[in-house]
N, C-alpha and C. Protein backbone atom coordinates (compact mmCIF):
# COMPACT_ATOMS: atom_id res chain seq x y z
N MET A 1 -18.48 -39.09 -30.35
CA MET A 1 -17.13 -38.92 -29.76
C MET A 1 -16.66 -37.48 -29.80
N SER A 2 -16.83 -36.85 -30.95
CA SER A 2 -16.37 -35.45 -31.09
C SER A 2 -17.15 -34.56 -30.19
N LYS A 3 -18.39 -34.89 -29.89
CA LYS A 3 -19.21 -34.05 -28.97
C LYS A 3 -18.60 -34.08 -27.59
N ASN A 4 -18.10 -35.27 -27.14
CA ASN A 4 -17.47 -35.34 -25.83
C ASN A 4 -16.15 -34.56 -25.76
N ILE A 5 -15.40 -34.58 -26.88
CA ILE A 5 -14.17 -33.79 -26.91
C ILE A 5 -14.47 -32.30 -26.75
N PHE A 6 -15.50 -31.86 -27.47
CA PHE A 6 -15.86 -30.44 -27.37
C PHE A 6 -16.31 -30.09 -25.98
N THR A 7 -17.07 -30.95 -25.30
CA THR A 7 -17.54 -30.71 -23.98
C THR A 7 -16.37 -30.64 -23.00
N VAL A 8 -15.41 -31.60 -23.11
CA VAL A 8 -14.24 -31.60 -22.20
C VAL A 8 -13.40 -30.38 -22.50
N LEU A 9 -13.15 -30.04 -23.74
CA LEU A 9 -12.38 -28.89 -24.08
C LEU A 9 -12.99 -27.59 -23.64
N THR A 10 -14.29 -27.46 -23.83
CA THR A 10 -14.98 -26.29 -23.44
C THR A 10 -14.96 -26.16 -21.90
N SER A 11 -15.20 -27.26 -21.22
CA SER A 11 -15.13 -27.21 -19.71
C SER A 11 -13.74 -26.81 -19.22
N SER A 12 -12.74 -27.34 -19.90
CA SER A 12 -11.30 -27.02 -19.47
C SER A 12 -11.05 -25.52 -19.71
N ILE A 13 -11.47 -25.02 -20.82
CA ILE A 13 -11.15 -23.65 -21.14
C ILE A 13 -11.95 -22.74 -20.22
N VAL A 14 -13.17 -23.07 -19.85
CA VAL A 14 -13.95 -22.27 -18.91
C VAL A 14 -13.29 -22.27 -17.54
N ALA A 15 -12.77 -23.43 -17.12
CA ALA A 15 -12.10 -23.51 -15.80
C ALA A 15 -10.84 -22.68 -15.79
N VAL A 16 -10.07 -22.81 -16.88
CA VAL A 16 -8.78 -22.01 -16.96
C VAL A 16 -9.13 -20.51 -16.94
N THR A 17 -10.15 -20.15 -17.74
CA THR A 17 -10.53 -18.74 -17.83
C THR A 17 -11.00 -18.21 -16.46
N ALA A 18 -11.78 -18.99 -15.75
CA ALA A 18 -12.26 -18.53 -14.46
C ALA A 18 -11.10 -18.32 -13.49
N ILE A 19 -10.10 -19.17 -13.53
CA ILE A 19 -8.95 -18.95 -12.67
C ILE A 19 -8.14 -17.73 -13.10
N ALA A 20 -7.96 -17.63 -14.45
CA ALA A 20 -7.11 -16.53 -14.94
C ALA A 20 -7.70 -15.16 -14.77
N VAL A 21 -9.04 -15.04 -14.85
CA VAL A 21 -9.67 -13.71 -14.67
C VAL A 21 -9.93 -13.33 -13.26
N SER A 22 -9.75 -14.26 -12.34
CA SER A 22 -9.84 -13.94 -10.92
C SER A 22 -8.76 -12.96 -10.59
N PRO A 23 -9.12 -11.95 -9.78
CA PRO A 23 -8.07 -10.99 -9.48
C PRO A 23 -6.91 -11.61 -8.67
N LEU A 24 -5.73 -11.34 -9.09
CA LEU A 24 -4.58 -11.79 -8.33
C LEU A 24 -4.43 -10.90 -7.13
N LYS A 25 -3.84 -11.39 -6.09
CA LYS A 25 -3.70 -10.63 -4.87
C LYS A 25 -2.29 -10.21 -4.65
N SER A 26 -2.09 -8.96 -4.31
CA SER A 26 -0.80 -8.48 -3.76
C SER A 26 -1.10 -8.12 -2.35
N GLN A 27 -0.15 -7.49 -1.71
CA GLN A 27 -0.35 -7.13 -0.33
C GLN A 27 -0.15 -5.63 -0.17
N ALA A 28 -0.87 -5.07 0.75
CA ALA A 28 -0.70 -3.64 1.14
C ALA A 28 -0.41 -3.61 2.64
N LEU A 29 0.53 -2.81 3.00
CA LEU A 29 0.92 -2.64 4.36
C LEU A 29 0.43 -1.25 4.83
N THR A 30 -0.32 -1.16 5.90
CA THR A 30 -0.83 0.15 6.41
C THR A 30 -0.41 0.27 7.82
N PHE A 31 0.22 1.41 8.08
CA PHE A 31 0.62 1.76 9.48
C PHE A 31 -0.34 2.80 10.00
N ASP A 32 -0.89 2.58 11.16
CA ASP A 32 -1.74 3.53 11.80
C ASP A 32 -0.93 4.41 12.76
N PHE A 33 -1.11 5.70 12.67
CA PHE A 33 -0.30 6.61 13.48
C PHE A 33 -1.13 7.28 14.53
N LYS A 34 -0.46 7.54 15.65
CA LYS A 34 -0.99 8.35 16.71
C LYS A 34 0.04 9.43 17.05
N PHE A 35 -0.48 10.61 17.33
CA PHE A 35 0.40 11.74 17.70
C PHE A 35 -0.11 12.29 19.04
N ASP A 36 0.85 12.47 20.01
CA ASP A 36 0.46 13.09 21.28
C ASP A 36 1.12 14.44 21.33
N ASN A 37 0.95 15.16 22.43
CA ASN A 37 1.53 16.51 22.55
C ASN A 37 2.61 16.59 23.61
N THR A 38 3.28 15.43 23.86
CA THR A 38 4.39 15.48 24.86
C THR A 38 5.59 14.90 24.19
N PRO A 39 6.69 15.67 24.11
CA PRO A 39 7.91 15.15 23.43
C PRO A 39 8.71 14.31 24.43
N ASN A 40 8.21 13.16 24.86
CA ASN A 40 8.93 12.39 25.89
C ASN A 40 9.22 10.94 25.45
N ALA A 41 9.20 10.64 24.19
CA ALA A 41 9.52 9.29 23.68
C ALA A 41 8.45 8.24 23.91
N THR A 42 7.30 8.63 24.51
CA THR A 42 6.18 7.73 24.66
C THR A 42 5.00 8.35 23.93
N VAL A 43 4.08 7.54 23.53
CA VAL A 43 2.87 8.05 22.87
C VAL A 43 1.68 7.66 23.72
N THR A 44 1.16 8.65 24.45
CA THR A 44 0.04 8.39 25.38
C THR A 44 -1.05 9.49 25.15
N SER A 45 -2.28 9.12 25.53
CA SER A 45 -3.34 10.06 25.40
C SER A 45 -3.14 11.22 26.38
N PRO A 46 -3.66 12.35 26.09
CA PRO A 46 -4.61 12.63 24.98
C PRO A 46 -3.86 12.78 23.66
N PHE A 47 -4.48 12.19 22.59
CA PHE A 47 -3.89 12.23 21.28
C PHE A 47 -4.34 13.52 20.56
N VAL A 48 -3.44 14.12 19.82
CA VAL A 48 -3.76 15.32 19.07
C VAL A 48 -3.83 15.07 17.55
N GLY A 49 -3.57 13.84 17.17
CA GLY A 49 -3.59 13.49 15.79
C GLY A 49 -3.57 12.01 15.54
N THR A 50 -4.00 11.65 14.33
CA THR A 50 -3.99 10.25 13.89
C THR A 50 -3.70 10.25 12.41
N GLY A 51 -3.53 9.14 11.87
CA GLY A 51 -3.33 9.03 10.39
C GLY A 51 -2.87 7.66 9.96
N THR A 52 -2.60 7.52 8.67
CA THR A 52 -2.09 6.28 8.14
C THR A 52 -0.96 6.59 7.13
N PHE A 53 -0.10 5.60 7.00
CA PHE A 53 0.88 5.53 5.91
C PHE A 53 0.80 4.15 5.35
N SER A 54 0.58 4.06 4.04
CA SER A 54 0.41 2.73 3.42
C SER A 54 1.18 2.68 2.11
N PHE A 55 1.43 1.45 1.67
CA PHE A 55 2.03 1.19 0.37
C PHE A 55 1.74 -0.24 -0.02
N ASP A 56 1.92 -0.54 -1.32
CA ASP A 56 1.70 -1.88 -1.75
C ASP A 56 2.93 -2.72 -1.49
N GLY A 57 2.68 -3.99 -1.13
CA GLY A 57 3.75 -4.96 -0.89
C GLY A 57 4.15 -4.94 0.60
N ASP A 58 5.06 -5.79 0.91
CA ASP A 58 5.66 -5.88 2.21
C ASP A 58 7.17 -6.25 2.03
N PRO A 59 8.01 -5.28 2.13
CA PRO A 59 9.44 -5.55 1.91
C PRO A 59 10.11 -6.29 3.08
N GLY A 60 9.41 -6.50 4.14
CA GLY A 60 10.03 -7.07 5.36
C GLY A 60 10.62 -5.97 6.21
N ASP A 61 11.41 -6.36 7.15
CA ASP A 61 12.05 -5.39 8.05
C ASP A 61 13.29 -4.83 7.41
N GLY A 62 13.64 -3.59 7.68
CA GLY A 62 14.82 -2.92 7.15
C GLY A 62 14.58 -1.47 6.87
N THR A 63 15.55 -0.85 6.22
CA THR A 63 15.51 0.57 5.87
C THR A 63 15.37 0.67 4.34
N PHE A 64 14.33 1.47 3.91
CA PHE A 64 14.00 1.49 2.48
C PHE A 64 13.84 2.95 2.05
N ALA A 65 14.25 3.22 0.81
CA ALA A 65 13.95 4.53 0.20
C ALA A 65 12.44 4.60 0.03
N LEU A 66 11.86 5.77 0.34
CA LEU A 66 10.43 5.96 0.16
C LEU A 66 10.06 5.66 -1.25
N THR A 67 10.85 6.04 -2.16
CA THR A 67 10.52 5.84 -3.62
C THR A 67 10.46 4.39 -4.01
N SER A 68 11.01 3.49 -3.17
CA SER A 68 10.94 2.03 -3.47
C SER A 68 9.69 1.38 -2.93
N LEU A 69 8.84 2.12 -2.22
CA LEU A 69 7.63 1.57 -1.70
C LEU A 69 6.47 1.96 -2.61
N PRO A 70 6.00 1.01 -3.46
CA PRO A 70 5.02 1.35 -4.51
C PRO A 70 3.75 1.91 -3.93
N ASN A 71 3.22 2.88 -4.63
CA ASN A 71 1.91 3.51 -4.29
C ASN A 71 1.78 4.01 -2.84
N PHE A 72 2.86 4.56 -2.33
CA PHE A 72 2.85 5.02 -0.97
C PHE A 72 1.81 6.15 -0.82
N ASN A 73 1.23 6.22 0.36
CA ASN A 73 0.22 7.24 0.62
C ASN A 73 0.25 7.66 2.05
N PHE A 74 0.41 8.97 2.27
CA PHE A 74 0.38 9.60 3.61
C PHE A 74 -1.01 10.23 3.79
N SER A 75 -1.57 10.06 5.01
CA SER A 75 -2.81 10.72 5.36
C SER A 75 -2.81 10.99 6.86
N PHE A 76 -2.42 12.14 7.25
CA PHE A 76 -2.33 12.52 8.66
C PHE A 76 -3.26 13.67 8.99
N ASN A 77 -3.77 13.66 10.18
CA ASN A 77 -4.55 14.82 10.71
C ASN A 77 -3.99 15.13 12.06
N VAL A 78 -3.29 16.22 12.21
CA VAL A 78 -2.62 16.61 13.45
C VAL A 78 -3.11 18.02 13.84
N ASN A 79 -3.64 18.08 15.04
CA ASN A 79 -4.13 19.38 15.53
C ASN A 79 -5.12 20.01 14.55
N GLY A 80 -5.97 19.21 13.95
CA GLY A 80 -7.00 19.66 13.03
C GLY A 80 -6.55 20.05 11.69
N ASN A 81 -5.28 19.76 11.35
CA ASN A 81 -4.72 20.04 10.03
C ASN A 81 -4.44 18.73 9.28
N SER A 82 -4.84 18.63 8.04
CA SER A 82 -4.66 17.42 7.27
C SER A 82 -3.37 17.52 6.39
N PHE A 83 -2.63 16.43 6.30
CA PHE A 83 -1.42 16.34 5.53
C PHE A 83 -1.44 15.07 4.70
N THR A 84 -1.28 15.22 3.38
CA THR A 84 -1.28 14.07 2.51
C THR A 84 -0.03 14.19 1.58
N ASN A 85 0.06 13.27 0.61
CA ASN A 85 1.18 13.31 -0.30
C ASN A 85 1.36 14.68 -0.96
N THR A 86 0.23 15.31 -1.24
CA THR A 86 0.30 16.61 -1.96
C THR A 86 0.94 17.75 -1.08
N ALA A 87 1.05 17.52 0.24
CA ALA A 87 1.63 18.51 1.12
C ALA A 87 3.13 18.26 1.38
N LEU A 88 3.66 17.11 0.86
CA LEU A 88 5.08 16.82 1.02
C LEU A 88 5.95 17.85 0.37
N VAL A 89 6.93 18.38 1.17
CA VAL A 89 7.87 19.35 0.57
C VAL A 89 9.32 18.88 0.66
N THR A 90 9.53 17.71 1.34
CA THR A 90 10.87 17.15 1.34
C THR A 90 11.07 16.36 0.04
N PRO A 91 12.21 16.54 -0.63
CA PRO A 91 12.42 15.73 -1.82
C PRO A 91 12.23 14.22 -1.53
N LEU A 92 11.46 13.57 -2.37
CA LEU A 92 11.12 12.17 -2.14
C LEU A 92 12.41 11.31 -2.05
N ALA A 93 13.36 11.60 -2.86
CA ALA A 93 14.63 10.85 -2.88
C ALA A 93 15.41 10.93 -1.56
N ASN A 94 15.08 11.87 -0.72
CA ASN A 94 15.78 12.05 0.53
C ASN A 94 15.11 11.33 1.73
N ILE A 95 13.92 10.71 1.50
CA ILE A 95 13.20 10.16 2.61
C ILE A 95 13.46 8.65 2.71
N LEU A 96 13.75 8.18 3.87
CA LEU A 96 13.89 6.76 4.18
C LEU A 96 12.82 6.32 5.13
N ALA A 97 12.42 5.02 5.02
CA ALA A 97 11.48 4.44 5.99
C ALA A 97 12.14 3.24 6.61
N ARG A 98 12.13 3.15 7.92
CA ARG A 98 12.68 2.04 8.69
C ARG A 98 11.54 1.27 9.28
N ILE A 99 11.41 -0.02 8.85
CA ILE A 99 10.35 -0.91 9.32
C ILE A 99 10.96 -1.96 10.22
N GLY A 100 10.36 -2.20 11.37
CA GLY A 100 10.82 -3.22 12.33
C GLY A 100 9.62 -3.94 12.86
N THR A 101 9.90 -5.13 13.43
CA THR A 101 8.89 -5.98 14.01
C THR A 101 9.18 -6.20 15.46
N ASN A 102 8.18 -6.07 16.33
CA ASN A 102 8.26 -6.44 17.74
C ASN A 102 7.04 -7.26 18.12
N GLY A 103 7.21 -8.53 18.33
CA GLY A 103 6.11 -9.44 18.57
C GLY A 103 5.24 -9.49 17.31
N SER A 104 3.97 -9.22 17.45
CA SER A 104 3.08 -9.30 16.29
C SER A 104 2.88 -7.93 15.65
N ASP A 105 3.58 -6.90 16.12
CA ASP A 105 3.39 -5.55 15.65
C ASP A 105 4.55 -5.14 14.74
N ARG A 106 4.26 -4.32 13.74
CA ARG A 106 5.20 -3.74 12.86
C ARG A 106 5.30 -2.26 13.16
N PHE A 107 6.47 -1.68 13.20
CA PHE A 107 6.65 -0.25 13.50
C PHE A 107 7.35 0.42 12.32
N ILE A 108 7.13 1.69 12.15
CA ILE A 108 7.87 2.43 11.15
C ILE A 108 8.28 3.81 11.70
N ASN A 109 9.48 4.20 11.31
CA ASN A 109 9.99 5.57 11.57
C ASN A 109 10.61 6.07 10.29
N PHE A 110 10.69 7.36 10.18
CA PHE A 110 11.23 7.94 8.98
C PHE A 110 12.56 8.64 9.25
N GLY A 111 13.44 8.60 8.34
CA GLY A 111 14.73 9.26 8.42
C GLY A 111 15.16 9.70 7.05
N GLY A 112 16.47 9.96 6.92
CA GLY A 112 16.97 10.41 5.63
C GLY A 112 17.77 11.68 5.77
N SER A 113 18.02 12.28 4.58
CA SER A 113 18.87 13.38 4.56
C SER A 113 18.18 14.74 4.59
N GLY A 114 16.87 14.75 4.81
CA GLY A 114 16.17 15.99 4.93
C GLY A 114 16.00 16.68 3.57
N GLY A 115 16.23 17.98 3.57
CA GLY A 115 16.13 18.75 2.36
C GLY A 115 14.84 19.60 2.31
N GLY A 116 13.93 19.36 3.28
CA GLY A 116 12.76 20.20 3.38
C GLY A 116 13.02 21.46 4.14
N PRO A 117 12.08 22.35 4.22
CA PRO A 117 12.32 23.65 4.86
C PRO A 117 12.58 23.59 6.34
N PHE A 118 12.18 22.50 7.05
CA PHE A 118 12.40 22.39 8.48
C PHE A 118 13.51 21.46 8.85
N GLY A 119 14.17 20.83 7.85
CA GLY A 119 15.23 19.89 8.14
C GLY A 119 14.83 18.57 8.76
N GLY A 120 13.56 18.25 8.74
CA GLY A 120 13.11 16.98 9.28
C GLY A 120 13.28 15.87 8.29
N SER A 121 13.02 14.63 8.74
CA SER A 121 13.08 13.54 7.82
C SER A 121 12.02 13.59 6.79
N ILE A 122 10.85 14.17 7.15
CA ILE A 122 9.76 14.43 6.23
C ILE A 122 9.14 15.79 6.71
N ASP A 123 8.98 16.68 5.78
CA ASP A 123 8.31 17.96 6.08
C ASP A 123 7.07 18.07 5.15
N PHE A 124 5.98 18.49 5.78
CA PHE A 124 4.73 18.74 5.05
C PHE A 124 4.34 20.21 5.29
N ILE A 125 3.79 20.85 4.25
CA ILE A 125 3.26 22.18 4.40
C ILE A 125 1.90 22.24 3.65
N ASN A 126 0.93 22.71 4.31
CA ASN A 126 -0.32 23.16 3.66
C ASN A 126 -0.71 24.45 4.33
N ALA A 127 -1.88 24.58 4.88
CA ALA A 127 -2.24 25.76 5.65
C ALA A 127 -1.44 25.82 6.94
N SER A 128 -0.90 24.63 7.35
CA SER A 128 -0.07 24.54 8.52
C SER A 128 1.19 23.78 8.14
N SER A 129 1.93 23.24 9.16
CA SER A 129 3.14 22.48 8.86
C SER A 129 3.24 21.30 9.79
N LEU A 130 3.99 20.29 9.32
CA LEU A 130 4.26 19.08 10.11
C LEU A 130 5.63 18.64 9.69
N SER A 131 6.47 18.28 10.71
CA SER A 131 7.84 17.82 10.41
C SER A 131 8.20 16.68 11.35
N PHE A 132 8.71 15.61 10.78
CA PHE A 132 9.16 14.45 11.54
C PHE A 132 10.66 14.58 11.89
N GLN A 133 11.02 14.17 13.07
CA GLN A 133 12.41 14.27 13.55
C GLN A 133 13.32 13.55 12.56
N PRO A 134 14.49 14.19 12.27
CA PRO A 134 15.50 13.47 11.40
C PRO A 134 16.11 12.32 12.23
N GLY A 135 16.80 11.46 11.51
CA GLY A 135 17.52 10.40 12.13
C GLY A 135 16.64 9.32 12.76
N PHE A 136 15.54 9.02 12.22
CA PHE A 136 14.60 7.93 12.64
C PHE A 136 14.09 8.14 14.08
N GLY A 137 14.02 9.31 14.53
CA GLY A 137 13.47 9.58 15.86
C GLY A 137 11.94 9.52 15.81
N SER A 138 11.38 9.58 17.00
CA SER A 138 9.91 9.48 17.11
C SER A 138 9.21 10.80 17.48
N LEU A 139 9.98 11.90 17.37
CA LEU A 139 9.39 13.21 17.66
C LEU A 139 8.91 13.88 16.41
N TYR A 140 8.00 14.81 16.60
CA TYR A 140 7.53 15.62 15.49
C TYR A 140 7.24 17.00 16.01
N PHE A 141 7.13 17.95 15.11
CA PHE A 141 6.59 19.21 15.54
C PHE A 141 5.62 19.67 14.44
N SER A 142 4.64 20.44 14.87
CA SER A 142 3.67 21.04 13.93
C SER A 142 3.58 22.52 14.33
N ALA A 143 2.81 23.24 13.56
CA ALA A 143 2.62 24.64 13.88
C ALA A 143 1.96 24.82 15.19
N ALA A 144 1.30 23.75 15.74
CA ALA A 144 0.61 23.82 16.98
C ALA A 144 1.39 23.31 18.17
N GLY A 145 2.61 22.76 17.92
CA GLY A 145 3.41 22.28 19.06
C GLY A 145 4.27 21.09 18.73
N PHE A 146 4.84 20.49 19.84
CA PHE A 146 5.74 19.33 19.72
C PHE A 146 5.06 18.13 20.30
N GLY A 147 5.56 16.97 19.95
CA GLY A 147 5.05 15.71 20.50
C GLY A 147 5.80 14.54 19.97
N THR A 148 5.23 13.36 20.28
CA THR A 148 5.80 12.11 19.83
C THR A 148 4.80 11.41 18.95
N TYR A 149 5.32 10.66 17.94
CA TYR A 149 4.42 9.92 17.06
C TYR A 149 4.79 8.45 17.11
N GLN A 150 3.87 7.60 16.73
CA GLN A 150 4.10 6.18 16.61
C GLN A 150 3.28 5.68 15.45
N GLY A 151 3.94 4.95 14.50
CA GLY A 151 3.28 4.28 13.41
C GLY A 151 3.39 2.77 13.63
N ILE A 152 2.20 2.11 13.74
CA ILE A 152 2.20 0.69 14.05
C ILE A 152 1.21 0.00 13.14
N ALA A 153 1.55 -1.23 12.77
CA ALA A 153 0.65 -2.08 11.98
C ALA A 153 0.66 -3.49 12.55
N GLN A 154 -0.37 -4.18 12.41
CA GLN A 154 -0.37 -5.62 12.77
C GLN A 154 0.53 -6.36 11.80
N ALA A 155 1.03 -7.51 12.21
CA ALA A 155 1.94 -8.25 11.35
C ALA A 155 1.39 -8.73 10.07
N ASP A 156 0.03 -9.01 10.05
CA ASP A 156 -0.50 -9.44 8.78
C ASP A 156 -0.79 -8.24 7.88
N VAL A 157 -0.78 -8.44 6.62
CA VAL A 157 -1.01 -7.33 5.67
C VAL A 157 -2.37 -7.60 4.88
N THR A 158 -2.90 -6.53 4.38
CA THR A 158 -4.18 -6.58 3.78
C THR A 158 -4.06 -6.84 2.25
N PRO A 159 -4.84 -7.87 1.73
CA PRO A 159 -4.76 -8.14 0.33
C PRO A 159 -5.36 -7.01 -0.49
N VAL A 160 -4.73 -6.76 -1.64
CA VAL A 160 -5.18 -5.66 -2.56
C VAL A 160 -5.45 -6.36 -3.89
N PRO A 161 -6.69 -6.20 -4.44
CA PRO A 161 -6.98 -6.85 -5.73
C PRO A 161 -6.18 -6.13 -6.85
N GLU A 162 -5.68 -6.96 -7.73
CA GLU A 162 -4.98 -6.48 -8.92
C GLU A 162 -5.79 -6.86 -10.12
N PRO A 163 -5.57 -6.17 -11.25
CA PRO A 163 -6.34 -6.50 -12.48
C PRO A 163 -6.07 -7.91 -12.90
N GLY A 164 -7.04 -8.56 -13.54
CA GLY A 164 -6.91 -9.91 -14.09
C GLY A 164 -5.78 -9.89 -15.13
N SER A 165 -5.31 -11.10 -15.43
CA SER A 165 -4.17 -11.21 -16.37
C SER A 165 -4.67 -11.33 -17.78
N ILE A 166 -3.74 -11.26 -18.72
CA ILE A 166 -4.03 -11.45 -20.16
C ILE A 166 -4.51 -12.88 -20.40
N LEU A 167 -4.16 -13.83 -19.48
CA LEU A 167 -4.64 -15.18 -19.70
C LEU A 167 -6.16 -15.24 -19.67
N GLY A 168 -6.81 -14.41 -18.90
CA GLY A 168 -8.24 -14.38 -18.85
C GLY A 168 -8.82 -14.04 -20.20
N LEU A 169 -8.24 -13.04 -20.85
CA LEU A 169 -8.72 -12.62 -22.19
C LEU A 169 -8.48 -13.75 -23.18
N LEU A 170 -7.28 -14.35 -23.06
CA LEU A 170 -6.97 -15.50 -23.98
C LEU A 170 -7.94 -16.59 -23.76
N GLY A 171 -8.25 -16.91 -22.53
CA GLY A 171 -9.21 -18.05 -22.26
C GLY A 171 -10.60 -17.70 -22.82
N LEU A 172 -11.03 -16.44 -22.67
CA LEU A 172 -12.33 -16.07 -23.17
C LEU A 172 -12.33 -16.21 -24.69
N SER A 173 -11.28 -15.83 -25.36
CA SER A 173 -11.19 -15.93 -26.83
C SER A 173 -11.21 -17.36 -27.25
N LEU A 174 -10.45 -18.24 -26.52
CA LEU A 174 -10.46 -19.66 -26.88
C LEU A 174 -11.82 -20.30 -26.67
N GLY A 175 -12.45 -19.85 -25.59
CA GLY A 175 -13.80 -20.39 -25.31
C GLY A 175 -14.78 -20.05 -26.42
N ALA A 176 -14.71 -18.81 -26.91
CA ALA A 176 -15.57 -18.40 -27.99
C ALA A 176 -15.25 -19.17 -29.29
N LEU A 177 -13.98 -19.40 -29.52
CA LEU A 177 -13.58 -20.17 -30.70
C LEU A 177 -14.08 -21.61 -30.62
N VAL A 178 -13.95 -22.24 -29.48
CA VAL A 178 -14.44 -23.61 -29.31
C VAL A 178 -15.95 -23.68 -29.49
N ALA A 179 -16.64 -22.69 -28.89
CA ALA A 179 -18.13 -22.66 -29.04
C ALA A 179 -18.51 -22.49 -30.51
N LYS A 180 -17.79 -21.68 -31.23
CA LYS A 180 -18.10 -21.46 -32.63
C LYS A 180 -17.86 -22.80 -33.41
N ASN A 181 -16.72 -23.40 -33.14
CA ASN A 181 -16.41 -24.68 -33.83
C ASN A 181 -17.39 -25.77 -33.51
N LYS A 182 -17.82 -25.81 -32.19
CA LYS A 182 -18.79 -26.82 -31.76
C LYS A 182 -20.11 -26.63 -32.53
N LYS A 183 -20.53 -25.37 -32.65
CA LYS A 183 -21.79 -25.05 -33.33
C LYS A 183 -21.68 -25.46 -34.81
N GLN A 184 -20.47 -25.13 -35.48
CA GLN A 184 -20.27 -25.47 -36.81
C GLN A 184 -20.28 -26.99 -37.04
N ALA A 185 -19.67 -27.78 -36.09
CA ALA A 185 -19.61 -29.20 -36.19
C ALA A 185 -21.02 -29.82 -36.05
N GLN A 186 -21.84 -29.24 -35.18
CA GLN A 186 -23.23 -29.69 -35.02
C GLN A 186 -24.05 -29.45 -36.29
N GLU A 187 -23.80 -28.28 -36.90
CA GLU A 187 -24.53 -27.98 -38.13
C GLU A 187 -24.13 -28.87 -39.28
N ASP A 188 -22.83 -29.32 -39.26
CA ASP A 188 -22.32 -30.20 -40.32
C ASP A 188 -22.91 -31.60 -40.22
N VAL A 189 -23.34 -31.98 -39.01
CA VAL A 189 -23.82 -33.35 -38.77
C VAL A 189 -25.21 -33.55 -39.25
């Protein structure tokens, strides 16, 4: 009888452990950007730049402080120049992101109180410069010229693995304890 209890208990602990150590899923939202060279409120080819803006989670539609979007990441290439988080020169606390949905697409524009050297909603400087129009507009300028940008994402978001929980470690410890006790009980018989 005790052998069956150990088998059931061991199986239960293994099942709980397998569930607990499985990576939990959060969501990441990625917006794909296109940049053209015509400042006319439309984004049409020929494109002079592309890029992504992503962060963990999906806050839904609305206006959000950039600092409230966990693990945000900028990666733009405009007119052959790359711009990432390290090139941001606008104070982070001044940047807002406005997310909206139209059909199955999600859109993003940036706004805020500026504070960077060009007065844009977001300013980047590396070997070149990139600045987004203040006031949630869709225009940008770079050292190479003016144009319109669009950031769009599909409505679904991409799962991001997160580390396993402490329950997994607890389950593994309990499993080892049960195995040890089972072995001791068998030796006592």
